[in-house]
N, C-alpha and C. Protein backbone atom coordinates (compact mmCIF):
# COMPACT_ATOMS: atom_id res chain seq x y z
N UNK A 1 -53.31 -103.43 -45.20
CA UNK A 1 -53.72 -103.89 -44.98
C UNK A 1 -54.45 -104.42 -43.03
N UNK A 2 -55.00 -105.56 -42.41
CA UNK A 2 -55.80 -105.12 -41.95
C UNK A 2 -54.78 -105.32 -40.37
N UNK A 3 -55.11 -104.33 -39.83
CA UNK A 3 -54.53 -104.18 -38.68
C UNK A 3 -53.88 -105.56 -37.69
N UNK A 4 -55.55 -106.43 -37.41
CA UNK A 4 -55.83 -107.32 -36.53
C UNK A 4 -54.74 -108.30 -36.91
N UNK A 5 -54.56 -108.43 -38.66
CA UNK A 5 -53.84 -109.60 -39.21
C UNK A 5 -52.33 -109.87 -39.01
N UNK A 6 -51.67 -108.13 -38.86
CA UNK A 6 -50.55 -108.15 -37.80
C UNK A 6 -50.11 -107.76 -36.92
N UNK A 7 -50.96 -107.14 -35.97
CA UNK A 7 -50.67 -107.28 -34.93
C UNK A 7 -51.53 -108.10 -33.77
N UNK A 8 -51.76 -109.37 -34.15
CA UNK A 8 -52.99 -110.65 -33.48
C UNK A 8 -51.46 -111.51 -32.72
N UNK A 9 -50.90 -112.04 -34.08
CA UNK A 9 -49.55 -113.33 -33.13
C UNK A 9 -48.81 -112.49 -32.20
N UNK A 10 -48.76 -111.57 -31.75
CA UNK A 10 -47.65 -111.14 -31.25
C UNK A 10 -48.54 -110.24 -29.79
N UNK A 11 -49.82 -110.10 -30.62
CA UNK A 11 -50.38 -110.35 -28.88
C UNK A 11 -50.57 -111.64 -28.45
N UNK A 12 -50.94 -112.55 -29.04
CA UNK A 12 -51.35 -113.92 -28.71
C UNK A 12 -49.43 -114.12 -27.75
N UNK A 13 -48.67 -114.29 -28.69
CA UNK A 13 -47.68 -114.42 -27.75
C UNK A 13 -47.06 -113.83 -27.16
N UNK A 14 -47.25 -112.48 -26.86
CA UNK A 14 -47.28 -112.01 -25.42
C UNK A 14 -47.53 -112.34 -24.03
N UNK A 15 -49.19 -112.70 -24.96
CA UNK A 15 -50.14 -113.18 -24.16
C UNK A 15 -49.72 -114.86 -23.15
N UNK A 16 -49.64 -115.66 -24.23
CA UNK A 16 -49.12 -116.93 -24.09
C UNK A 16 -47.97 -116.86 -22.78
N UNK A 17 -46.65 -115.87 -23.17
CA UNK A 17 -45.30 -115.59 -21.97
C UNK A 17 -46.13 -115.65 -20.50
N UNK A 18 -47.41 -114.90 -20.55
CA UNK A 18 -47.12 -113.82 -19.62
C UNK A 18 -48.33 -114.94 -18.71
N UNK A 19 -48.83 -116.32 -19.81
CA UNK A 19 -49.75 -116.94 -18.77
C UNK A 19 -48.65 -118.08 -18.71
N UNK A 20 -47.86 -118.28 -19.15
CA UNK A 20 -46.86 -119.19 -18.93
C UNK A 20 -45.77 -118.82 -17.64
N UNK A 21 -45.08 -118.04 -18.38
CA UNK A 21 -44.21 -117.45 -15.90
C UNK A 21 -45.05 -116.84 -15.14
N UNK A 22 -46.64 -117.00 -15.04
CA UNK A 22 -47.18 -116.73 -13.79
C UNK A 22 -47.25 -118.19 -13.36
N UNK A 23 -47.96 -119.15 -14.77
CA UNK A 23 -47.53 -120.71 -14.53
C UNK A 23 -46.52 -120.84 -13.53
N UNK A 24 -45.22 -120.73 -14.16
CA UNK A 24 -44.41 -121.56 -13.99
C UNK A 24 -43.81 -120.91 -12.31
N UNK A 25 -44.39 -119.79 -12.43
CA UNK A 25 -43.72 -118.91 -10.36
C UNK A 25 -44.27 -119.77 -9.54
N UNK A 26 -45.84 -120.12 -9.99
CA UNK A 26 -46.47 -120.23 -9.34
C UNK A 26 -46.40 -121.84 -8.04
N UNK A 27 -46.21 -122.85 -9.14
CA UNK A 27 -46.45 -124.57 -9.03
C UNK A 27 -45.00 -124.31 -9.49
N UNK A 28 -43.57 -123.92 -10.00
CA UNK A 28 -42.39 -124.28 -10.20
C UNK A 28 -41.49 -124.08 -9.46
N UNK A 29 -41.16 -122.62 -9.13
CA UNK A 29 -40.10 -122.14 -7.55
C UNK A 29 -40.91 -122.20 -6.86
N UNK A 30 -41.86 -122.60 -5.92
CA UNK A 30 -41.52 -123.24 -4.66
C UNK A 30 -41.34 -124.67 -4.54
N UNK A 31 -41.89 -125.50 -5.17
CA UNK A 31 -40.87 -127.16 -5.38
C UNK A 31 -39.74 -127.21 -5.32
N UNK A 32 -39.37 -126.00 -6.53
CA UNK A 32 -38.23 -126.12 -6.49
C UNK A 32 -36.83 -125.31 -5.36
N UNK A 33 -37.25 -124.42 -4.31
CA UNK A 33 -36.93 -123.72 -3.49
C UNK A 33 -37.23 -124.07 -2.02
N UNK A 34 -37.81 -125.77 -2.14
CA UNK A 34 -38.29 -126.18 -0.44
C UNK A 34 -37.13 -127.17 -0.98
N UNK A 35 -36.69 -127.75 -2.22
CA UNK A 35 -35.81 -128.52 -2.04
C UNK A 35 -34.01 -127.83 -2.06
N UNK A 36 -33.48 -126.37 -2.19
CA UNK A 36 -32.50 -125.40 -2.06
C UNK A 36 -32.74 -125.56 -0.85
N UNK A 37 -33.65 -124.89 -0.13
CA UNK A 37 -33.75 -124.82 1.21
C UNK A 37 -34.29 -125.40 2.28
N UNK A 38 -33.41 -126.76 2.65
CA UNK A 38 -33.50 -127.93 3.04
C UNK A 38 -32.79 -127.69 4.24
N UNK A 39 -32.08 -127.22 4.68
CA UNK A 39 -31.68 -127.28 5.35
C UNK A 39 -32.38 -126.09 7.49
N UNK A 40 -32.50 -126.45 8.00
CA UNK A 40 -33.10 -125.43 9.19
C UNK A 40 -32.79 -123.83 9.19
N UNK A 41 -33.32 -122.57 9.18
CA UNK A 41 -32.60 -121.70 8.88
C UNK A 41 -32.18 -121.31 10.62
N UNK A 42 -31.96 -120.62 11.06
CA UNK A 42 -32.05 -119.43 12.25
C UNK A 42 -31.85 -118.27 11.77
N UNK A 43 -33.38 -118.09 12.75
CA UNK A 43 -33.23 -116.18 12.74
C UNK A 43 -32.74 -115.51 13.56
N UNK A 44 -32.36 -114.76 13.50
CA UNK A 44 -32.16 -113.78 14.68
C UNK A 44 -32.83 -112.25 14.91
N UNK A 45 -32.77 -111.89 15.46
CA UNK A 45 -34.00 -110.75 15.86
C UNK A 45 -33.27 -109.36 15.08
N UNK A 46 -33.92 -108.67 14.67
CA UNK A 46 -33.30 -107.52 14.00
C UNK A 46 -32.86 -106.52 14.66
N UNK A 47 -31.96 -105.44 15.30
CA UNK A 47 -31.95 -104.65 15.93
C UNK A 47 -32.84 -103.60 15.33
N UNK A 48 -33.13 -103.14 14.05
CA UNK A 48 -34.42 -102.67 13.73
C UNK A 48 -35.64 -102.79 13.98
N UNK A 49 -36.07 -104.35 13.53
CA UNK A 49 -37.51 -104.41 14.40
C UNK A 49 -37.96 -104.58 16.01
N UNK A 50 -36.98 -104.78 16.69
CA UNK A 50 -36.35 -104.12 18.06
C UNK A 50 -37.31 -103.61 18.84
N UNK A 51 -36.89 -102.15 18.52
CA UNK A 51 -38.36 -101.29 18.80
C UNK A 51 -39.51 -100.86 18.34
N UNK A 52 -39.34 -101.59 16.98
CA UNK A 52 -41.05 -101.69 15.74
C UNK A 52 -42.03 -101.91 16.58
N UNK A 53 -41.14 -103.60 17.42
CA UNK A 53 -42.65 -104.07 17.78
C UNK A 53 -42.81 -104.04 19.48
N UNK A 54 -41.93 -102.64 19.83
CA UNK A 54 -42.22 -102.07 21.05
C UNK A 54 -43.33 -101.06 20.79
N UNK A 55 -42.90 -100.87 19.63
CA UNK A 55 -44.13 -99.24 19.73
C UNK A 55 -45.82 -100.26 18.75
N UNK A 56 -45.73 -101.67 18.45
CA UNK A 56 -46.23 -102.28 17.82
C UNK A 56 -47.95 -102.28 18.36
N UNK A 57 -47.59 -102.97 19.79
CA UNK A 57 -49.13 -103.42 20.22
C UNK A 57 -49.46 -102.04 21.24
N UNK A 58 -48.71 -100.88 21.15
CA UNK A 58 -49.28 -99.71 21.79
C UNK A 58 -50.13 -99.41 20.28
N UNK A 59 -48.90 -98.96 19.68
CA UNK A 59 -50.37 -98.21 18.61
C UNK A 59 -51.86 -99.17 17.50
N UNK A 60 -51.28 -100.65 17.95
CA UNK A 60 -52.55 -100.95 17.31
C UNK A 60 -53.68 -100.98 18.59
N UNK A 61 -52.90 -101.12 19.97
CA UNK A 61 -54.44 -100.48 20.84
C UNK A 61 -55.15 -99.42 20.32
N UNK A 62 -54.43 -98.26 20.63
CA UNK A 62 -55.24 -97.05 20.64
C UNK A 62 -55.38 -96.84 19.18
N UNK A 63 -55.66 -97.27 17.55
CA UNK A 63 -55.84 -97.22 16.58
C UNK A 63 -57.19 -98.86 16.91
N UNK A 64 -57.30 -99.77 17.47
CA UNK A 64 -58.56 -100.34 17.77
C UNK A 64 -59.85 -99.61 18.83
N UNK A 65 -59.06 -98.67 19.09
CA UNK A 65 -59.68 -97.75 20.52
C UNK A 65 -60.32 -96.59 19.68
N UNK A 66 -59.90 -96.85 18.50
CA UNK A 66 -60.45 -95.29 17.45
C UNK A 66 -60.32 -95.30 16.87
N UNK A 67 -61.56 -96.92 16.21
CA UNK A 67 -61.55 -96.55 14.57
C UNK A 67 -61.78 -95.66 13.69
N UNK A 68 -62.54 -94.83 14.12
CA UNK A 68 -63.42 -93.50 13.16
C UNK A 68 -61.61 -92.21 12.83
N UNK A 69 -60.76 -92.21 13.59
CA UNK A 69 -59.63 -91.54 13.61
C UNK A 69 -58.58 -92.26 12.98
N UNK A 70 -58.89 -93.83 12.86
CA UNK A 70 -57.77 -94.25 11.66
C UNK A 70 -58.07 -94.15 10.71
N UNK A 71 -59.81 -94.12 10.34
CA UNK A 71 -60.25 -93.93 8.89
C UNK A 71 -60.18 -92.52 8.17
N UNK A 72 -60.54 -91.58 9.54
CA UNK A 72 -60.31 -90.26 8.57
C UNK A 72 -58.43 -90.19 8.40
N UNK A 73 -58.04 -90.33 8.71
CA UNK A 73 -56.69 -90.41 8.57
C UNK A 73 -56.54 -91.94 7.11
N UNK A 74 -56.99 -91.87 7.01
CA UNK A 74 -56.87 -92.89 6.02
C UNK A 74 -57.44 -92.51 4.94
N UNK A 75 -58.77 -91.76 4.84
CA UNK A 75 -58.73 -90.90 4.00
C UNK A 75 -58.02 -89.76 3.63
N UNK A 76 -57.26 -89.26 4.38
CA UNK A 76 -56.59 -87.47 4.53
C UNK A 76 -55.75 -87.82 3.90
N UNK A 77 -54.81 -89.43 3.54
CA UNK A 77 -53.91 -89.99 3.13
C UNK A 77 -54.03 -89.93 1.89
N UNK A 78 -55.02 -90.67 1.31
CA UNK A 78 -55.28 -90.95 -0.18
C UNK A 78 -56.10 -90.04 -0.55
N UNK A 79 -55.90 -88.89 -0.38
CA UNK A 79 -56.85 -87.03 -0.62
C UNK A 79 -55.58 -87.06 -0.69
N UNK A 80 -54.52 -86.69 0.37
CA UNK A 80 -53.25 -86.25 -0.41
C UNK A 80 -52.09 -87.22 -1.45
N UNK A 81 -52.41 -88.37 -1.57
CA UNK A 81 -51.46 -89.62 -2.29
C UNK A 81 -52.19 -88.56 -3.46
N UNK A 82 -53.61 -88.97 -3.58
CA UNK A 82 -54.12 -88.50 -5.19
C UNK A 82 -53.71 -87.18 -5.47
N UNK A 83 -53.58 -86.13 -4.42
CA UNK A 83 -53.34 -84.47 -5.69
C UNK A 83 -51.78 -84.74 -5.59
N UNK A 84 -50.78 -84.95 -4.78
CA UNK A 84 -49.59 -85.45 -4.99
C UNK A 84 -49.11 -86.05 -6.47
N UNK A 85 -50.22 -87.32 -6.67
CA UNK A 85 -49.55 -87.68 -7.57
C UNK A 85 -49.88 -86.90 -9.19
N UNK A 86 -51.19 -86.67 -8.35
CA UNK A 86 -51.21 -85.88 -10.06
C UNK A 86 -50.40 -85.05 -10.42
N UNK A 87 -49.26 -83.86 -9.46
CA UNK A 87 -49.20 -82.89 -9.16
C UNK A 87 -47.66 -84.32 -9.76
N UNK A 88 -47.28 -84.87 -8.64
CA UNK A 88 -46.11 -84.94 -9.94
C UNK A 88 -45.99 -85.89 -11.10
N UNK A 89 -46.94 -86.45 -11.21
CA UNK A 89 -46.96 -86.89 -12.49
C UNK A 89 -47.45 -85.71 -13.75
N UNK A 90 -47.83 -84.84 -13.15
CA UNK A 90 -47.69 -83.45 -14.39
C UNK A 90 -46.20 -82.90 -14.30
N UNK A 91 -46.33 -82.80 -13.09
CA UNK A 91 -44.24 -82.38 -13.14
C UNK A 91 -43.34 -82.91 -14.04
N UNK A 92 -43.50 -84.64 -13.66
CA UNK A 92 -43.23 -85.18 -15.01
C UNK A 92 -43.11 -85.30 -15.75
N UNK A 93 -43.71 -85.20 -16.66
CA UNK A 93 -44.51 -84.94 -18.03
C UNK A 93 -43.42 -83.61 -18.36
N UNK A 94 -43.58 -82.67 -17.13
CA UNK A 94 -43.07 -81.26 -17.90
C UNK A 94 -41.51 -81.54 -18.07
N UNK A 95 -41.16 -82.43 -16.77
CA UNK A 95 -39.25 -82.29 -16.91
C UNK A 95 -38.96 -83.36 -18.40
N UNK A 96 -39.44 -84.62 -18.74
CA UNK A 96 -39.25 -85.01 -19.92
C UNK A 96 -39.50 -84.70 -21.12
N UNK A 97 -40.09 -83.34 -21.03
CA UNK A 97 -40.34 -82.75 -22.66
C UNK A 97 -39.28 -81.36 -23.01
N UNK A 98 -38.30 -81.24 -21.36
CA UNK A 98 -37.52 -79.96 -21.10
C UNK A 98 -36.33 -79.79 -22.23
N UNK A 99 -35.72 -81.35 -22.68
CA UNK A 99 -34.51 -81.46 -23.83
C UNK A 99 -35.51 -80.67 -24.84
N UNK A 100 -36.42 -81.47 -25.18
CA UNK A 100 -37.02 -80.67 -26.76
C UNK A 100 -37.47 -79.50 -26.33
N UNK A 101 -37.21 -78.81 -25.44
CA UNK A 101 -38.37 -77.22 -25.32
C UNK A 101 -36.63 -77.01 -25.51
N UNK A 102 -35.35 -77.36 -25.00
CA UNK A 102 -33.95 -76.77 -25.52
C UNK A 102 -33.18 -77.13 -26.52
N UNK A 103 -33.83 -77.87 -27.46
CA UNK A 103 -32.99 -78.72 -27.94
C UNK A 103 -32.90 -76.97 -29.20
N UNK A 104 -32.00 -77.51 -29.79
CA UNK A 104 -31.15 -76.90 -30.83
C UNK A 104 -30.68 -76.99 -32.39
N UNK A 105 -31.25 -78.49 -31.93
CA UNK A 105 -30.75 -79.19 -33.35
C UNK A 105 -32.51 -79.73 -34.29
N UNK A 106 -31.73 -80.22 -35.59
CA UNK A 106 -32.04 -80.09 -36.45
C UNK A 106 -33.98 -80.86 -36.31
N UNK A 107 -35.02 -80.72 -36.78
CA UNK A 107 -36.11 -80.94 -36.06
C UNK A 107 -36.48 -79.77 -35.31
N UNK A 108 -35.56 -79.46 -34.73
CA UNK A 108 -37.17 -78.87 -33.29
C UNK A 108 -37.78 -77.24 -33.45
N UNK A 109 -36.94 -77.02 -34.87
CA UNK A 109 -38.59 -76.71 -35.57
C UNK A 109 -39.32 -76.53 -35.08
N UNK A 110 -40.35 -77.71 -34.95
CA UNK A 110 -41.08 -78.29 -35.40
C UNK A 110 -42.05 -78.70 -33.46
N UNK A 111 -40.90 -79.48 -33.05
CA UNK A 111 -41.06 -79.44 -31.33
C UNK A 111 -41.13 -78.99 -30.78
N UNK A 112 -40.42 -77.59 -31.06
CA UNK A 112 -39.69 -76.88 -29.75
C UNK A 112 -41.04 -75.70 -28.90
N UNK A 113 -41.89 -75.55 -29.79
CA UNK A 113 -42.61 -74.13 -29.93
C UNK A 113 -43.81 -75.13 -28.68
N UNK A 114 -44.58 -76.74 -29.09
CA UNK A 114 -45.38 -77.93 -28.58
C UNK A 114 -45.02 -78.00 -27.46
N UNK A 115 -43.52 -78.83 -27.05
CA UNK A 115 -42.77 -78.74 -25.51
C UNK A 115 -42.71 -77.44 -25.30
N UNK A 116 -42.53 -75.95 -25.73
CA UNK A 116 -42.31 -75.47 -24.71
C UNK A 116 -44.26 -74.53 -24.29
N UNK A 117 -45.29 -75.17 -25.43
CA UNK A 117 -46.17 -74.81 -24.31
C UNK A 117 -46.81 -76.01 -23.03
N UNK A 118 -46.19 -77.07 -23.71
CA UNK A 118 -46.76 -78.29 -22.63
C UNK A 118 -45.83 -78.12 -21.26
N UNK A 119 -44.75 -77.62 -21.28
CA UNK A 119 -43.69 -77.58 -20.16
C UNK A 119 -44.81 -76.30 -19.60
N UNK A 120 -44.86 -75.25 -20.51
CA UNK A 120 -45.15 -74.14 -18.81
C UNK A 120 -46.23 -74.33 -18.76
N UNK A 121 -47.61 -75.23 -19.54
CA UNK A 121 -48.75 -75.53 -19.44
C UNK A 121 -49.18 -75.76 -17.73
N UNK A 122 -48.97 -77.67 -18.11
CA UNK A 122 -48.44 -78.13 -16.92
C UNK A 122 -47.86 -77.30 -15.47
N UNK A 123 -46.85 -76.65 -15.87
CA UNK A 123 -46.52 -76.81 -14.29
C UNK A 123 -46.65 -75.35 -13.96
N UNK A 124 -47.84 -74.28 -14.41
CA UNK A 124 -48.27 -73.43 -14.24
C UNK A 124 -49.75 -73.72 -13.87
N UNK A 125 -50.21 -74.58 -14.15
CA UNK A 125 -51.66 -75.53 -14.13
C UNK A 125 -51.68 -76.59 -12.22
N UNK A 126 -49.74 -76.84 -13.04
CA UNK A 126 -49.85 -77.06 -10.94
C UNK A 126 -49.47 -76.15 -10.05
N UNK A 127 -48.96 -75.14 -10.65
CA UNK A 127 -49.22 -74.06 -9.34
C UNK A 127 -50.27 -73.50 -9.08
N UNK A 128 -50.61 -73.61 -10.02
CA UNK A 128 -52.50 -73.01 -9.95
C UNK A 128 -53.04 -73.65 -9.37
N UNK A 129 -53.11 -74.71 -8.86
CA UNK A 129 -53.82 -75.83 -8.82
C UNK A 129 -53.24 -76.30 -7.24
N UNK A 130 -51.94 -75.33 -7.14
CA UNK A 130 -51.11 -76.43 -5.47
C UNK A 130 -51.20 -75.16 -4.61
N UNK A 131 -51.25 -73.77 -5.35
CA UNK A 131 -50.97 -72.63 -4.83
C UNK A 131 -51.96 -71.29 -4.35
N UNK A 132 -52.30 -71.32 -5.79
CA UNK A 132 -52.91 -70.09 -6.27
C UNK A 132 -54.44 -70.43 -5.86
N UNK A 133 -55.22 -71.07 -6.35
CA UNK A 133 -56.40 -71.51 -5.97
C UNK A 133 -56.68 -71.21 -3.73
N UNK A 134 -55.92 -72.10 -3.87
CA UNK A 134 -56.22 -72.22 -1.73
C UNK A 134 -56.01 -71.32 -1.80
N UNK A 135 -55.59 -70.10 -2.49
CA UNK A 135 -54.53 -69.30 -1.71
C UNK A 135 -56.23 -68.48 -2.06
N UNK A 136 -56.54 -67.88 -2.49
CA UNK A 136 -57.88 -67.36 -3.43
C UNK A 136 -59.06 -67.50 -2.75
N UNK A 137 -59.81 -69.08 -2.27
CA UNK A 137 -60.39 -70.04 -2.00
C UNK A 137 -60.33 -69.13 -0.44
N UNK A 138 -58.98 -69.20 0.75
CA UNK A 138 -59.76 -68.09 1.46
C UNK A 138 -59.44 -67.14 1.43
N UNK A 139 -58.91 -66.37 0.81
CA UNK A 139 -59.09 -65.02 0.60
C UNK A 139 -60.78 -64.55 0.65
N UNK A 140 -61.48 -65.18 0.02
CA UNK A 140 -62.86 -65.05 -0.22
C UNK A 140 -63.58 -65.83 0.67
N UNK A 141 -63.35 -66.45 1.36
CA UNK A 141 -64.33 -67.24 2.48
C UNK A 141 -63.77 -66.22 3.68
N UNK A 142 -63.02 -64.88 3.59
CA UNK A 142 -62.52 -64.84 4.86
C UNK A 142 -63.29 -63.48 4.68
N UNK A 143 -63.08 -63.23 3.78
CA UNK A 143 -64.44 -62.04 3.13
C UNK A 143 -64.93 -61.79 2.78
N UNK A 144 -65.75 -63.30 3.18
CA UNK A 144 -67.55 -63.11 2.86
C UNK A 144 -68.37 -63.20 4.53
N UNK A 145 -68.96 -62.45 3.99
CA UNK A 145 -69.70 -62.76 6.29
C UNK A 145 -70.78 -62.65 5.42
N UNK A 146 -71.57 -63.51 5.06
CA UNK A 146 -72.91 -63.87 4.96
C UNK A 146 -72.38 -65.91 4.64
N UNK A 147 -73.90 -66.11 5.31
CA UNK A 147 -73.72 -67.43 5.23
C UNK A 147 -74.14 -68.58 4.32
N UNK A 148 -73.47 -69.61 4.27
CA UNK A 148 -74.05 -70.35 3.31
C UNK A 148 -75.36 -70.52 1.95
N UNK A 149 -75.69 -70.14 1.01
CA UNK A 149 -77.01 -70.08 0.87
C UNK A 149 -77.56 -71.84 1.31
N UNK A 150 -77.29 -71.82 0.90
CA UNK A 150 -77.10 -73.91 0.92
C UNK A 150 -77.99 -74.16 1.54
N UNK A 151 -77.49 -74.23 3.20
CA UNK A 151 -77.64 -74.34 4.17
C UNK A 151 -78.95 -73.68 5.30
N UNK A 152 -80.15 -74.18 5.41
CA UNK A 152 -80.98 -73.41 5.94
C UNK A 152 -80.22 -73.33 7.56
N UNK A 153 -81.62 -72.50 8.35
CA UNK A 153 -80.94 -71.80 9.79
C UNK A 153 -82.07 -72.69 9.69
N UNK A 154 -82.27 -74.00 11.26
CA UNK A 154 -82.98 -74.29 12.34
C UNK A 154 -84.08 -74.29 11.82
N UNK A 155 -84.42 -72.98 12.48
CA UNK A 155 -85.55 -71.56 12.58
C UNK A 155 -86.35 -71.94 11.46
N UNK A 156 -85.87 -71.90 10.09
CA UNK A 156 -86.52 -72.39 8.83
C UNK A 156 -86.80 -73.53 8.77
N UNK A 157 -86.20 -74.82 8.68
CA UNK A 157 -86.49 -75.61 8.40
C UNK A 157 -87.56 -76.52 9.68
N UNK A 158 -88.16 -76.32 10.53
CA UNK A 158 -89.12 -76.05 11.48
C UNK A 158 -90.35 -75.50 11.44
N UNK A 159 -90.49 -74.12 10.90
CA UNK A 159 -91.31 -73.28 9.95
C UNK A 159 -91.45 -73.37 8.81
N UNK A 160 -91.21 -74.59 8.10
CA UNK A 160 -91.36 -75.37 6.55
C UNK A 160 -92.79 -75.60 7.24
N UNK A 161 -94.35 -75.54 5.98
CA UNK A 161 -94.72 -76.19 6.18
C UNK A 161 -95.04 -77.49 5.26
N UNK A 162 -95.79 -78.24 5.84
CA UNK A 162 -95.52 -79.43 5.82
C UNK A 162 -96.23 -79.67 4.19
N UNK A 163 -95.85 -80.47 3.21
CA UNK A 163 -96.07 -81.07 2.03
C UNK A 163 -97.06 -81.82 1.70
N UNK A 164 -97.75 -82.12 1.55
CA UNK A 164 -98.34 -83.49 1.81
C UNK A 164 -98.25 -84.09 0.68
N UNK A 165 -97.65 -85.27 0.65
CA UNK A 165 -97.88 -86.05 -0.77
C UNK A 165 -98.89 -87.28 -1.25
N UNK A 166 -99.14 -87.17 -2.28
CA UNK A 166 -100.12 -88.58 -2.88
C UNK A 166 -100.28 -88.95 -3.45
N UNK A 167 -100.85 -90.33 -3.41
CA UNK A 167 -101.15 -91.53 -4.35
C UNK A 167 -100.69 -91.61 -5.63
N UNK A 168 -99.95 -91.54 -6.05
CA UNK A 168 -100.32 -92.12 -7.41
C UNK A 168 -101.83 -92.78 -8.32
N UNK A 169 -102.14 -92.21 -8.94
CA UNK A 169 -103.33 -93.15 -9.41
C UNK A 169 -103.73 -93.43 -10.16
N UNK A 170 -101.94 -93.90 -10.44
CA UNK A 170 -102.08 -94.66 -12.35
C UNK A 170 -101.92 -93.98 -13.17
N UNK A 171 -102.56 -92.57 -13.36
CA UNK A 171 -102.07 -91.51 -14.37
C UNK A 171 -101.75 -90.55 -14.24
N UNK A 172 -100.97 -90.50 -15.23
CA UNK A 172 -100.04 -88.61 -15.08
C UNK A 172 -100.64 -87.79 -14.57
N UNK A 173 -101.97 -87.58 -15.17
CA UNK A 173 -102.99 -86.45 -15.53
C UNK A 173 -103.25 -86.18 -14.23
N UNK A 174 -103.82 -84.86 -13.09
CA UNK A 174 -103.89 -85.20 -12.17
C UNK A 174 -105.54 -84.61 -11.96
């Protein structure tokens, strides 16, 4: 039996339901909410937002004076979020398989070896990535007394002979 014939009615109904829910929430819900909330609402000042409002203007002016600092912090937070996101994803996958790794029920003879490998593999990969690799990198960098071979010194840049560039003559044969 063709898979498209089996699953296409379900996929079409789910897509139609999502489109209908989107249309309903964008058009009808605001109209009904305007009928339900006809009385004016008196706002009172929140005790949590009062100190936050006092800190907002100095923080905003500091951020506007130093845009590169704000951009650098945003990039650092993005990198930290990526590292922590991947670590948390791996840890969650490992913890999700712990019941299968310790199970003694029927059928666990085939599930247990694979789940044990996945649990300890992901946990050891997290430990290597977050702890061991940075420590080894720092030890290697501290023990290395030579400069990086990729970055040339300023003297070698100024004393290099100038390379002449020839115009393309229309043929690849020189």
